[in-house]
Amino acid sequence: NIFDSKFLENISFDIIVSNPPYISKEQISYCDRGIFYEPFIALFADPPLKFYAEIIHRAINGWLKPEGYLVFECSPFNVHHIKQLFNHQQDHFQDIKIIFDTNQLPRVISAKNKKVI
């Protein structure tokens, strides 16, 4: 449980890649029917950015090593909101990039920790 205060305590990483739940209840009607074969908890979050905000918070507070990268898979509906989460932490992150999938939809966002070794 990422919201457990002791989850991955005293561990830091060069890169964190995460595909947290990111579909809001409002977005369900836009989803392909195939997603309903996946566990609900793996796809749906309310609010949809809560996992991203928590991971960013933990990255700032020790999970991410100096000059490390944080990479998220995300919904095209949320990518710019996630970018705003990074921008609100501009003292901690740089080189924020949005990566597009083969359908030219924004699906991945990455940022580099500003701390240097």
PDB file of N, CA and C in Angstrom:
ATOM      1  N   ASN A   1       0.844  -1.178   0.000  1.00  0.00           N
ATOM      2  CA  ASN A   1       0.000   0.000   0.000  1.00  0.00           C
ATOM      3  C   ASN A   1       0.889   1.241   0.000  1.00  0.00           C
ATOM      4  N   ILE A   2       0.831   1.992  -1.046  1.00  0.00           N
ATOM      5  CA  ILE A   2       1.675   3.181  -1.188  1.00  0.00           C
ATOM      6  C   ILE A   2       1.358   4.252  -0.147  1.00  0.00           C
ATOM      7  N   PHE A   3       0.161   4.234   0.402  1.00  0.00           N
ATOM      8  CA  PHE A   3      -0.209   5.239   1.385  1.00  0.00           C
ATOM      9  C   PHE A   3       0.207   4.853   2.807  1.00  0.00           C
ATOM     10  N   ASP A   4       0.786   3.681   2.972  1.00  0.00           N
ATOM     11  CA  ASP A   4       1.356   3.260   4.248  1.00  0.00           C
ATOM     12  C   ASP A   4       2.658   4.027   4.441  1.00  0.00           C
ATOM     13  N   SER A   5       2.804   4.701   5.567  1.00  0.00           N
ATOM     14  CA  SER A   5       3.968   5.561   5.785  1.00  0.00           C
ATOM     15  C   SER A   5       5.293   4.806   5.755  1.00  0.00           C
ATOM     16  N   LYS A   6       5.277   3.513   5.955  1.00  0.00           N
ATOM     17  CA  LYS A   6       6.516   2.738   5.960  1.00  0.00           C
ATOM     18  C   LYS A   6       6.782   2.013   4.636  1.00  0.00           C
ATOM     19  N   PHE A   7       5.918   2.222   3.650  1.00  0.00           N
ATOM     20  CA  PHE A   7       6.081   1.570   2.351  1.00  0.00           C
ATOM     21  C   PHE A   7       7.384   2.034   1.707  1.00  0.00           C
ATOM     22  N   LEU A   8       8.284   1.097   1.445  1.00  0.00           N
ATOM     23  CA  LEU A   8       9.589   1.362   0.843  1.00  0.00           C
ATOM     24  C   LEU A   8      10.395   2.411   1.606  1.00  0.00           C
ATOM     25  N   GLU A   9      10.275   2.372   2.915  1.00  0.00           N
ATOM     26  CA  GLU A   9      10.997   3.307   3.765  1.00  0.00           C
ATOM     27  C   GLU A   9      12.499   3.069   3.645  1.00  0.00           C
ATOM     28  N   ASN A  10      13.263   4.139   3.603  1.00  0.00           N
ATOM     29  CA  ASN A  10      14.732   4.103   3.562  1.00  0.00           C
ATOM     30  C   ASN A  10      15.293   3.446   2.306  1.00  0.00           C
ATOM     31  N   ILE A  11      14.561   3.491   1.208  1.00  0.00           N
ATOM     32  CA  ILE A  11      15.038   2.964  -0.070  1.00  0.00           C
ATOM     33  C   ILE A  11      14.928   4.094  -1.089  1.00  0.00           C
ATOM     34  N   SER A  12      15.948   4.228  -1.935  1.00  0.00           N
ATOM     35  CA  SER A  12      15.849   5.207  -3.016  1.00  0.00           C
ATOM     36  C   SER A  12      16.301   4.576  -4.323  1.00  0.00           C
ATOM     37  N   PHE A  13      15.829   5.159  -5.423  1.00  0.00           N
ATOM     38  CA  PHE A  13      15.982   4.558  -6.741  1.00  0.00           C
ATOM     39  C   PHE A  13      16.543   5.563  -7.743  1.00  0.00           C
ATOM     40  N   ASP A  14      17.254   5.041  -8.758  1.00  0.00           N
ATOM     41  CA  ASP A  14      17.733   5.868  -9.869  1.00  0.00           C
ATOM     42  C   ASP A  14      16.589   6.226 -10.810  1.00  0.00           C
ATOM     43  N   ILE A  15      15.652   5.318 -10.941  1.00  0.00           N
ATOM     44  CA  ILE A  15      14.491   5.544 -11.803  1.00  0.00           C
ATOM     45  C   ILE A  15      13.274   4.868 -11.174  1.00  0.00           C
ATOM     46  N   ILE A  16      12.164   5.560 -11.236  1.00  0.00           N
ATOM     47  CA  ILE A  16      10.887   5.006 -10.784  1.00  0.00           C
ATOM     48  C   ILE A  16       9.943   5.058 -11.978  1.00  0.00           C
ATOM     49  N   VAL A  17       9.425   3.912 -12.369  1.00  0.00           N
ATOM     50  CA  VAL A  17       8.453   3.817 -13.459  1.00  0.00           C
ATOM     51  C   VAL A  17       7.162   3.282 -12.852  1.00  0.00           C
ATOM     52  N   SER A  18       6.082   4.003 -13.055  1.00  0.00           N
ATOM     53  CA  SER A  18       4.829   3.627 -12.414  1.00  0.00           C
ATOM     54  C   SER A  18       3.660   3.745 -13.390  1.00  0.00           C
ATOM     55  N   ASN A  19       2.739   2.829 -13.245  1.00  0.00           N
ATOM     56  CA  ASN A  19       1.488   2.840 -14.001  1.00  0.00           C
ATOM     57  C   ASN A  19       0.353   2.765 -12.983  1.00  0.00           C
ATOM     58  N   PRO A  20       0.183   3.852 -12.208  1.00  0.00           N
ATOM     59  CA  PRO A  20      -0.842   3.805 -11.160  1.00  0.00           C
ATOM     60  C   PRO A  20      -2.250   3.858 -11.738  1.00  0.00           C
ATOM     61  N   PRO A  21      -3.239   3.522 -10.918  1.00  0.00           N
ATOM     62  CA  PRO A  21      -4.633   3.668 -11.365  1.00  0.00           C
ATOM     63  C   PRO A  21      -4.880   5.123 -11.763  1.00  0.00           C
ATOM     64  N   TYR A  22      -5.510   5.332 -12.915  1.00  0.00           N
ATOM     65  CA  TYR A  22      -5.671   6.715 -13.370  1.00  0.00           C
ATOM     66  C   TYR A  22      -7.012   7.022 -14.018  1.00  0.00           C
ATOM     67  N   ILE A  23      -7.922   6.097 -14.023  1.00  0.00           N
ATOM     68  CA  ILE A  23      -9.212   6.347 -14.666  1.00  0.00           C
ATOM     69  C   ILE A  23     -10.211   6.809 -13.610  1.00  0.00           C
ATOM     70  N   SER A  24     -10.824   7.959 -13.849  1.00  0.00           N
ATOM     71  CA  SER A  24     -11.835   8.467 -12.919  1.00  0.00           C
ATOM     72  C   SER A  24     -13.188   7.851 -13.258  1.00  0.00           C
ATOM     73  N   LYS A  25     -14.100   7.948 -12.336  1.00  0.00           N
ATOM     74  CA  LYS A  25     -15.448   7.423 -12.569  1.00  0.00           C
ATOM     75  C   LYS A  25     -16.112   8.121 -13.756  1.00  0.00           C
ATOM     76  N   GLU A  26     -15.786   9.396 -13.951  1.00  0.00           N
ATOM     77  CA  GLU A  26     -16.363  10.152 -15.063  1.00  0.00           C
ATOM     78  C   GLU A  26     -15.856   9.652 -16.415  1.00  0.00           C
ATOM     79  N   GLN A  27     -14.684   9.028 -16.441  1.00  0.00           N
ATOM     80  CA  GLN A  27     -14.078   8.584 -17.696  1.00  0.00           C
ATOM     81  C   GLN A  27     -14.481   7.162 -18.092  1.00  0.00           C
ATOM     82  N   ILE A  28     -15.202   6.464 -17.246  1.00  0.00           N
ATOM     83  CA  ILE A  28     -15.567   5.069 -17.519  1.00  0.00           C
ATOM     84  C   ILE A  28     -16.295   4.934 -18.857  1.00  0.00           C
ATOM     85  N   SER A  29     -17.173   5.859 -19.161  1.00  0.00           N
ATOM     86  CA  SER A  29     -17.958   5.750 -20.399  1.00  0.00           C
ATOM     87  C   SER A  29     -17.094   5.857 -21.659  1.00  0.00           C
ATOM     88  N   TYR A  30     -15.882   6.406 -21.541  1.00  0.00           N
ATOM     89  CA  TYR A  30     -14.980   6.537 -22.687  1.00  0.00           C
ATOM     90  C   TYR A  30     -14.083   5.317 -22.868  1.00  0.00           C
ATOM     91  N   CYS A  31     -14.132   4.385 -21.947  1.00  0.00           N
ATOM     92  CA  CYS A  31     -13.202   3.253 -21.938  1.00  0.00           C
ATOM     93  C   CYS A  31     -13.659   2.115 -22.844  1.00  0.00           C
ATOM     94  N   ASP A  32     -12.689   1.430 -23.378  1.00  0.00           N
ATOM     95  CA  ASP A  32     -12.937   0.211 -24.144  1.00  0.00           C
ATOM     96  C   ASP A  32     -13.482  -0.850 -23.193  1.00  0.00           C
ATOM     97  N   ARG A  33     -14.393  -1.672 -23.653  1.00  0.00           N
ATOM     98  CA  ARG A  33     -15.015  -2.688 -22.793  1.00  0.00           C
ATOM     99  C   ARG A  33     -13.990  -3.676 -22.247  1.00  0.00           C
ATOM    100  N   GLY A  34     -12.868  -3.851 -22.932  1.00  0.00           N
ATOM    101  CA  GLY A  34     -11.845  -4.799 -22.505  1.00  0.00           C
ATOM    102  C   GLY A  34     -11.241  -4.491 -21.149  1.00  0.00           C
ATOM    103  N   ILE A  35     -11.302  -3.226 -20.736  1.00  0.00           N
ATOM    104  CA  ILE A  35     -10.702  -2.898 -19.439  1.00  0.00           C
ATOM    105  C   ILE A  35     -11.460  -3.524 -18.279  1.00  0.00           C
ATOM    106  N   PHE A  36     -12.695  -3.895 -18.499  1.00  0.00           N
ATOM    107  CA  PHE A  36     -13.492  -4.433 -17.405  1.00  0.00           C
ATOM    108  C   PHE A  36     -13.097  -5.856 -17.028  1.00  0.00           C
ATOM    109  N   TYR A  37     -12.128  -6.416 -17.746  1.00  0.00           N
ATOM    110  CA  TYR A  37     -11.564  -7.718 -17.370  1.00  0.00           C
ATOM    111  C   TYR A  37     -10.408  -7.546 -16.391  1.00  0.00           C
ATOM    112  N   GLU A  38      -9.989  -6.309 -16.186  1.00  0.00           N
ATOM    113  CA  GLU A  38      -8.907  -5.995 -15.248  1.00  0.00           C
ATOM    114  C   GLU A  38      -9.504  -5.741 -13.864  1.00  0.00           C
ATOM    115  N   PRO A  39      -8.711  -5.942 -12.816  1.00  0.00           N
ATOM    116  CA  PRO A  39      -9.202  -5.617 -11.470  1.00  0.00           C
ATOM    117  C   PRO A  39      -9.522  -4.120 -11.356  1.00  0.00           C
ATOM    118  N   PHE A  40     -10.662  -3.809 -10.793  1.00  0.00           N
ATOM    119  CA  PHE A  40     -11.114  -2.423 -10.651  1.00  0.00           C
ATOM    120  C   PHE A  40     -10.051  -1.563  -9.975  1.00  0.00           C
ATOM    121  N   ILE A  41      -9.451  -2.081  -8.918  1.00  0.00           N
ATOM    122  CA  ILE A  41      -8.472  -1.331  -8.133  1.00  0.00           C
ATOM    123  C   ILE A  41      -7.216  -0.979  -8.934  1.00  0.00           C
ATOM    124  N   ALA A  42      -6.934  -1.743  -9.989  1.00  0.00           N
ATOM    125  CA  ALA A  42      -5.743  -1.489 -10.806  1.00  0.00           C
ATOM    126  C   ALA A  42      -5.947  -0.349 -11.800  1.00  0.00           C
ATOM    127  N   LEU A  43      -7.183   0.015 -12.072  1.00  0.00           N
ATOM    128  CA  LEU A  43      -7.463   1.004 -13.115  1.00  0.00           C
ATOM    129  C   LEU A  43      -8.089   2.297 -12.616  1.00  0.00           C
ATOM    130  N   PHE A  44      -8.927   2.196 -11.592  1.00  0.00           N
ATOM    131  CA  PHE A  44      -9.746   3.334 -11.203  1.00  0.00           C
ATOM    132  C   PHE A  44      -9.268   3.955  -9.896  1.00  0.00           C
ATOM    133  N   ALA A  45      -9.182   5.274  -9.907  1.00  0.00           N
ATOM    134  CA  ALA A  45      -8.783   6.025  -8.719  1.00  0.00           C
ATOM    135  C   ALA A  45      -9.719   7.217  -8.573  1.00  0.00           C
ATOM    136  N   ASP A  46     -10.054   7.523  -7.350  1.00  0.00           N
ATOM    137  CA  ASP A  46     -10.918   8.660  -7.094  1.00  0.00           C
ATOM    138  C   ASP A  46     -10.379   9.424  -5.893  1.00  0.00           C
ATOM    139  N   PRO A  47      -9.809  10.588  -6.074  1.00  0.00           N
ATOM    140  CA  PRO A  47      -9.622  11.298  -7.330  1.00  0.00           C
ATOM    141  C   PRO A  47      -8.519  10.661  -8.179  1.00  0.00           C
ATOM    142  N   PRO A  48      -8.554  10.866  -9.485  1.00  0.00           N
ATOM    143  CA  PRO A  48      -7.647  10.147 -10.378  1.00  0.00           C
ATOM    144  C   PRO A  48      -6.171  10.503 -10.226  1.00  0.00           C
ATOM    145  N   LEU A  49      -5.844  11.616  -9.606  1.00  0.00           N
ATOM    146  CA  LEU A  49      -4.435  12.016  -9.477  1.00  0.00           C
ATOM    147  C   LEU A  49      -3.824  11.694  -8.121  1.00  0.00           C
ATOM    148  N   LYS A  50      -4.580  11.062  -7.234  1.00  0.00           N
ATOM    149  CA  LYS A  50      -4.072  10.871  -5.875  1.00  0.00           C
ATOM    150  C   LYS A  50      -2.809  10.018  -5.826  1.00  0.00           C
ATOM    151  N   PHE A  51      -2.716   8.979  -6.654  1.00  0.00           N
ATOM    152  CA  PHE A  51      -1.520   8.141  -6.650  1.00  0.00           C
ATOM    153  C   PHE A  51      -0.323   8.900  -7.213  1.00  0.00           C
ATOM    154  N   TYR A  52      -0.543   9.687  -8.264  1.00  0.00           N
ATOM    155  CA  TYR A  52       0.541  10.474  -8.854  1.00  0.00           C
ATOM    156  C   TYR A  52       1.094  11.465  -7.831  1.00  0.00           C
ATOM    157  N   ALA A  53       0.195  12.173  -7.155  1.00  0.00           N
ATOM    158  CA  ALA A  53       0.622  13.156  -6.163  1.00  0.00           C
ATOM    159  C   ALA A  53       1.412  12.495  -5.041  1.00  0.00           C
ATOM    160  N   GLU A  54       0.974  11.334  -4.591  1.00  0.00           N
ATOM    161  CA  GLU A  54       1.674  10.631  -3.510  1.00  0.00           C
ATOM    162  C   GLU A  54       3.053  10.155  -3.962  1.00  0.00           C
ATOM    163  N   ILE A  55       3.147   9.618  -5.158  1.00  0.00           N
ATOM    164  CA  ILE A  55       4.442   9.144  -5.656  1.00  0.00           C
ATOM    165  C   ILE A  55       5.397  10.319  -5.849  1.00  0.00           C
ATOM    166  N   ILE A  56       4.909  11.432  -6.379  1.00  0.00           N
ATOM    167  CA  ILE A  56       5.754  12.622  -6.523  1.00  0.00           C
ATOM    168  C   ILE A  56       6.234  13.086  -5.159  1.00  0.00           C
ATOM    169  N   HIS A  57       5.338  13.133  -4.198  1.00  0.00           N
ATOM    170  CA  HIS A  57       5.706  13.529  -2.832  1.00  0.00           C
ATOM    171  C   HIS A  57       6.805  12.623  -2.274  1.00  0.00           C
ATOM    172  N   ARG A  58       6.637  11.336  -2.438  1.00  0.00           N
ATOM    173  CA  ARG A  58       7.629  10.387  -1.911  1.00  0.00           C
ATOM    174  C   ARG A  58       8.940  10.452  -2.690  1.00  0.00           C
ATOM    175  N   ALA A  59       8.862  10.722  -3.981  1.00  0.00           N
ATOM    176  CA  ALA A  59      10.084  10.884  -4.779  1.00  0.00           C
ATOM    177  C   ALA A  59      10.899  12.063  -4.251  1.00  0.00           C
ATOM    178  N   ILE A  60      10.229  13.162  -3.969  1.00  0.00           N
ATOM    179  CA  ILE A  60      10.897  14.351  -3.434  1.00  0.00           C
ATOM    180  C   ILE A  60      11.515  14.060  -2.073  1.00  0.00           C
ATOM    181  N   ASN A  61      10.845  13.242  -1.295  1.00  0.00           N
ATOM    182  CA  ASN A  61      11.275  12.983   0.081  1.00  0.00           C
ATOM    183  C   ASN A  61      12.105  11.716   0.239  1.00  0.00           C
ATOM    184  N   GLY A  62      12.843  11.349  -0.795  1.00  0.00           N
ATOM    185  CA  GLY A  62      13.827  10.300  -0.614  1.00  0.00           C
ATOM    186  C   GLY A  62      13.755   9.096  -1.526  1.00  0.00           C
ATOM    187  N   TRP A  63      12.619   8.834  -2.137  1.00  0.00           N
ATOM    188  CA  TRP A  63      12.537   7.660  -3.014  1.00  0.00           C
ATOM    189  C   TRP A  63      13.427   7.807  -4.237  1.00  0.00           C
ATOM    190  N   LEU A  64      13.542   9.032  -4.754  1.00  0.00           N
ATOM    191  CA  LEU A  64      14.270   9.254  -5.996  1.00  0.00           C
ATOM    192  C   LEU A  64      15.655   9.816  -5.690  1.00  0.00           C
ATOM    193  N   LYS A  65      16.667   9.126  -6.195  1.00  0.00           N
ATOM    194  CA  LYS A  65      18.047   9.568  -5.990  1.00  0.00           C
ATOM    195  C   LYS A  65      18.307  10.868  -6.760  1.00  0.00           C
ATOM    196  N   PRO A  66      19.357  11.606  -6.348  1.00  0.00           N
ATOM    197  CA  PRO A  66      19.737  12.794  -7.113  1.00  0.00           C
ATOM    198  C   PRO A  66      19.930  12.443  -8.590  1.00  0.00           C
ATOM    199  N   GLU A  67      19.412  13.294  -9.442  1.00  0.00           N
ATOM    200  CA  GLU A  67      19.456  13.139 -10.895  1.00  0.00           C
ATOM    201  C   GLU A  67      18.674  11.917 -11.395  1.00  0.00           C
ATOM    202  N   GLY A  68      17.841  11.334 -10.540  1.00  0.00           N
ATOM    203  CA  GLY A  68      17.019  10.196 -10.940  1.00  0.00           C
ATOM    204  C   GLY A  68      15.801  10.638 -11.739  1.00  0.00           C
ATOM    205  N   TYR A  69      15.167   9.668 -12.370  1.00  0.00           N
ATOM    206  CA  TYR A  69      13.999   9.939 -13.216  1.00  0.00           C
ATOM    207  C   TYR A  69      12.737   9.312 -12.639  1.00  0.00           C
ATOM    208  N   LEU A  70      11.648  10.053 -12.767  1.00  0.00           N
ATOM    209  CA  LEU A  70      10.321   9.576 -12.397  1.00  0.00           C
ATOM    210  C   LEU A  70       9.500   9.523 -13.685  1.00  0.00           C
ATOM    211  N   VAL A  71       8.944   8.344 -13.993  1.00  0.00           N
ATOM    212  CA  VAL A  71       8.228   8.124 -15.248  1.00  0.00           C
ATOM    213  C   VAL A  71       6.856   7.535 -14.923  1.00  0.00           C
ATOM    214  N   PHE A  72       5.818   8.134 -15.493  1.00  0.00           N
ATOM    215  CA  PHE A  72       4.456   7.655 -15.288  1.00  0.00           C
ATOM    216  C   PHE A  72       3.796   7.307 -16.613  1.00  0.00           C
ATOM    217  N   GLU A  73       3.071   6.184 -16.643  1.00  0.00           N
ATOM    218  CA  GLU A  73       2.082   5.984 -17.696  1.00  0.00           C
ATOM    219  C   GLU A  73       0.829   6.691 -17.212  1.00  0.00           C
ATOM    220  N   CYS A  74       0.099   7.287 -18.130  1.00  0.00           N
ATOM    221  CA  CYS A  74      -1.074   8.045 -17.714  1.00  0.00           C
ATOM    222  C   CYS A  74      -2.123   8.090 -18.818  1.00  0.00           C
ATOM    223  N   SER A  75      -3.273   8.546 -18.434  1.00  0.00           N
ATOM    224  CA  SER A  75      -4.373   8.744 -19.373  1.00  0.00           C
ATOM    225  C   SER A  75      -4.121  10.020 -20.175  1.00  0.00           C
ATOM    226  N   PRO A  76      -4.454  10.014 -21.454  1.00  0.00           N
ATOM    227  CA  PRO A  76      -4.361  11.258 -22.225  1.00  0.00           C
ATOM    228  C   PRO A  76      -5.207  12.384 -21.614  1.00  0.00           C
ATOM    229  N   PHE A  77      -6.253  12.007 -20.864  1.00  0.00           N
ATOM    230  CA  PHE A  77      -7.103  13.002 -20.212  1.00  0.00           C
ATOM    231  C   PHE A  77      -6.406  13.679 -19.032  1.00  0.00           C
ATOM    232  N   ASN A  78      -5.391  13.006 -18.456  1.00  0.00           N
ATOM    233  CA  ASN A  78      -4.772  13.507 -17.229  1.00  0.00           C
ATOM    234  C   ASN A  78      -3.345  14.003 -17.394  1.00  0.00           C
ATOM    235  N   VAL A  79      -2.732  13.782 -18.535  1.00  0.00           N
ATOM    236  CA  VAL A  79      -1.300  14.052 -18.671  1.00  0.00           C
ATOM    237  C   VAL A  79      -0.949  15.509 -18.346  1.00  0.00           C
ATOM    238  N   HIS A  80      -1.771  16.446 -18.750  1.00  0.00           N
ATOM    239  CA  HIS A  80      -1.451  17.850 -18.486  1.00  0.00           C
ATOM    240  C   HIS A  80      -1.669  18.208 -17.014  1.00  0.00           C
ATOM    241  N   HIS A  81      -2.579  17.517 -16.346  1.00  0.00           N
ATOM    242  CA  HIS A  81      -2.753  17.715 -14.904  1.00  0.00           C
ATOM    243  C   HIS A  81      -1.538  17.175 -14.148  1.00  0.00           C
ATOM    244  N   ILE A  82      -1.003  16.068 -14.615  1.00  0.00           N
ATOM    245  CA  ILE A  82       0.193  15.497 -13.987  1.00  0.00           C
ATOM    246  C   ILE A  82       1.385  16.413 -14.228  1.00  0.00           C
ATOM    247  N   LYS A  83       1.458  16.983 -15.411  1.00  0.00           N
ATOM    248  CA  LYS A  83       2.530  17.949 -15.686  1.00  0.00           C
ATOM    249  C   LYS A  83       2.434  19.124 -14.718  1.00  0.00           C
ATOM    250  N   GLN A  84       1.222  19.560 -14.420  1.00  0.00           N
ATOM    251  CA  GLN A  84       1.038  20.640 -13.448  1.00  0.00           C
ATOM    252  C   GLN A  84       1.529  20.231 -12.064  1.00  0.00           C
ATOM    253  N   LEU A  85       1.305  18.954 -11.686  1.00  0.00           N
ATOM    254  CA  LEU A  85       1.831  18.479 -10.400  1.00  0.00           C
ATOM    255  C   LEU A  85       3.348  18.627 -10.367  1.00  0.00           C
ATOM    256  N   PHE A  86       4.018  18.257 -11.460  1.00  0.00           N
ATOM    257  CA  PHE A  86       5.469  18.434 -11.541  1.00  0.00           C
ATOM    258  C   PHE A  86       5.839  19.918 -11.517  1.00  0.00           C
ATOM    259  N   ASN A  87       5.114  20.734 -12.261  1.00  0.00           N
ATOM    260  CA  ASN A  87       5.418  22.169 -12.309  1.00  0.00           C
ATOM    261  C   ASN A  87       5.270  22.829 -10.946  1.00  0.00           C
ATOM    262  N   HIS A  88       4.334  22.340 -10.137  1.00  0.00           N
ATOM    263  CA  HIS A  88       4.169  22.876  -8.781  1.00  0.00           C
ATOM    264  C   HIS A  88       5.362  22.515  -7.899  1.00  0.00           C
ATOM    265  N   GLN A  89       6.148  21.563  -8.345  1.00  0.00           N
ATOM    266  CA  GLN A  89       7.349  21.142  -7.616  1.00  0.00           C
ATOM    267  C   GLN A  89       8.600  21.492  -8.432  1.00  0.00           C
ATOM    268  N   GLN A  90       8.576  22.639  -9.098  1.00  0.00           N
ATOM    269  CA  GLN A  90       9.665  23.003 -10.000  1.00  0.00           C
ATOM    270  C   GLN A  90      11.008  23.159  -9.303  1.00  0.00           C
ATOM    271  N   ASP A  91      11.026  23.312  -7.994  1.00  0.00           N
ATOM    272  CA  ASP A  91      12.299  23.326  -7.269  1.00  0.00           C
ATOM    273  C   ASP A  91      12.920  21.940  -7.218  1.00  0.00           C
ATOM    274  N   HIS A  92      12.127  20.914  -7.502  1.00  0.00           N
ATOM    275  CA  HIS A  92      12.590  19.531  -7.387  1.00  0.00           C
ATOM    276  C   HIS A  92      12.745  18.807  -8.722  1.00  0.00           C
ATOM    277  N   PHE A  93      12.052  19.256  -9.763  1.00  0.00           N
ATOM    278  CA  PHE A  93      12.056  18.522 -11.033  1.00  0.00           C
ATOM    279  C   PHE A  93      12.420  19.422 -12.209  1.00  0.00           C
ATOM    280  N   GLN A  94      13.043  18.806 -13.202  1.00  0.00           N
ATOM    281  CA  GLN A  94      13.394  19.486 -14.451  1.00  0.00           C
ATOM    282  C   GLN A  94      13.201  18.513 -15.612  1.00  0.00           C
ATOM    283  N   ASP A  95      13.400  18.987 -16.808  1.00  0.00           N
ATOM    284  CA  ASP A  95      13.303  18.148 -18.013  1.00  0.00           C
ATOM    285  C   ASP A  95      11.992  17.351 -18.058  1.00  0.00           C
ATOM    286  N   ILE A  96      10.892  18.019 -17.812  1.00  0.00           N
ATOM    287  CA  ILE A  96       9.586  17.358 -17.856  1.00  0.00           C
ATOM    288  C   ILE A  96       9.221  17.119 -19.322  1.00  0.00           C
ATOM    289  N   LYS A  97       8.942  15.860 -19.655  1.00  0.00           N
ATOM    290  CA  LYS A  97       8.662  15.499 -21.045  1.00  0.00           C
ATOM    291  C   LYS A  97       7.388  14.668 -21.132  1.00  0.00           C
ATOM    292  N   ILE A  98       6.614  14.935 -22.163  1.00  0.00           N
ATOM    293  CA  ILE A  98       5.425  14.144 -22.475  1.00  0.00           C
ATOM    294  C   ILE A  98       5.751  13.306 -23.705  1.00  0.00           C
ATOM    295  N   ILE A  99       5.460  12.016 -23.626  1.00  0.00           N
ATOM    296  CA  ILE A  99       5.758  11.081 -24.711  1.00  0.00           C
ATOM    297  C   ILE A  99       4.439  10.571 -25.281  1.00  0.00           C
ATOM    298  N   PHE A 100       4.352  10.542 -26.599  1.00  0.00           N
ATOM    299  CA  PHE A 100       3.128  10.147 -27.292  1.00  0.00           C
ATOM    300  C   PHE A 100       3.204   8.689 -27.737  1.00  0.00           C
ATOM    301  N   ASP A 101       2.046   8.027 -27.740  1.00  0.00           N
ATOM    302  CA  ASP A 101       1.991   6.633 -28.193  1.00  0.00           C
ATOM    303  C   ASP A 101       1.859   6.583 -29.718  1.00  0.00           C
ATOM    304  N   THR A 102       1.685   5.390 -30.261  1.00  0.00           N
ATOM    305  CA  THR A 102       1.617   5.225 -31.717  1.00  0.00           C
ATOM    306  C   THR A 102       0.377   5.865 -32.337  1.00  0.00           C
ATOM    307  N   ASN A 103      -0.623   6.152 -31.513  1.00  0.00           N
ATOM    308  CA  ASN A 103      -1.822   6.857 -31.986  1.00  0.00           C
ATOM    309  C   ASN A 103      -1.716   8.364 -31.782  1.00  0.00           C
ATOM    310  N   GLN A 104      -0.512   8.806 -31.420  1.00  0.00           N
ATOM    311  CA  GLN A 104      -0.228  10.220 -31.164  1.00  0.00           C
ATOM    312  C   GLN A 104      -1.027  10.787 -29.989  1.00  0.00           C
ATOM    313  N   LEU A 105      -1.285   9.925 -28.998  1.00  0.00           N
ATOM    314  CA  LEU A 105      -1.922  10.363 -27.755  1.00  0.00           C
ATOM    315  C   LEU A 105      -0.853  10.476 -26.674  1.00  0.00           C
ATOM    316  N   PRO A 106      -0.925  11.506 -25.837  1.00  0.00           N
ATOM    317  CA  PRO A 106       0.049  11.629 -24.751  1.00  0.00           C
ATOM    318  C   PRO A 106      -0.200  10.543 -23.706  1.00  0.00           C
ATOM    319  N   ARG A 107       0.778   9.649 -23.502  1.00  0.00           N
ATOM    320  CA  ARG A 107       0.569   8.482 -22.637  1.00  0.00           C
ATOM    321  C   ARG A 107       1.602   8.336 -21.534  1.00  0.00           C
ATOM    322  N   VAL A 108       2.738   9.012 -21.655  1.00  0.00           N
ATOM    323  CA  VAL A 108       3.811   8.875 -20.672  1.00  0.00           C
ATOM    324  C   VAL A 108       4.340  10.270 -20.364  1.00  0.00           C
ATOM    325  N   ILE A 109       4.665  10.481 -19.096  1.00  0.00           N
ATOM    326  CA  ILE A 109       5.308  11.730 -18.700  1.00  0.00           C
ATOM    327  C   ILE A 109       6.503  11.382 -17.824  1.00  0.00           C
ATOM    328  N   SER A 110       7.596  12.108 -18.026  1.00  0.00           N
ATOM    329  CA  SER A 110       8.802  11.856 -17.237  1.00  0.00           C
ATOM    330  C   SER A 110       9.366  13.177 -16.738  1.00  0.00           C
ATOM    331  N   ALA A 111      10.115  13.086 -15.648  1.00  0.00           N
ATOM    332  CA  ALA A 111      10.783  14.256 -15.087  1.00  0.00           C
ATOM    333  C   ALA A 111      12.055  13.803 -14.382  1.00  0.00           C
ATOM    334  N   LYS A 112      13.030  14.687 -14.352  1.00  0.00           N
ATOM    335  CA  LYS A 112      14.320  14.399 -13.723  1.00  0.00           C
ATOM    336  C   LYS A 112      14.420  15.150 -12.404  1.00  0.00           C
ATOM    337  N   ASN A 113      14.926  14.466 -11.396  1.00  0.00           N
ATOM    338  CA  ASN A 113      15.170  15.075 -10.098  1.00  0.00           C
ATOM    339  C   ASN A 113      16.254  16.137 -10.253  1.00  0.00           C
ATOM    340  N   LYS A 114      16.016  17.337  -9.750  1.00  0.00           N
ATOM    341  CA  LYS A 114      16.990  18.424  -9.859  1.00  0.00           C
ATOM    342  C   LYS A 114      18.175  18.254  -8.919  1.00  0.00           C
ATOM    343  N   LYS A 115      17.993  17.487  -7.867  1.00  0.00           N
ATOM    344  CA  LYS A 115      19.110  17.306  -6.939  1.00  0.00           C
ATOM    345  C   LYS A 115      20.272  16.687  -7.686  1.00  0.00           C
ATOM    346  N   VAL A 116      21.461  17.171  -7.399  1.00  0.00           N
ATOM    347  CA  VAL A 116      22.653  16.610  -8.031  1.00  0.00           C
ATOM    348  C   VAL A 116      23.488  15.878  -6.994  1.00  0.00           C
ATOM    349  N   ILE A 117      24.316  14.979  -7.498  1.00  0.00           N
ATOM    350  CA  ILE A 117      25.159  14.166  -6.607  1.00  0.00           C
ATOM    351  C   ILE A 117      26.261  15.019  -6.027  1.00  0.00           C
TER     352      ILE A 117
END
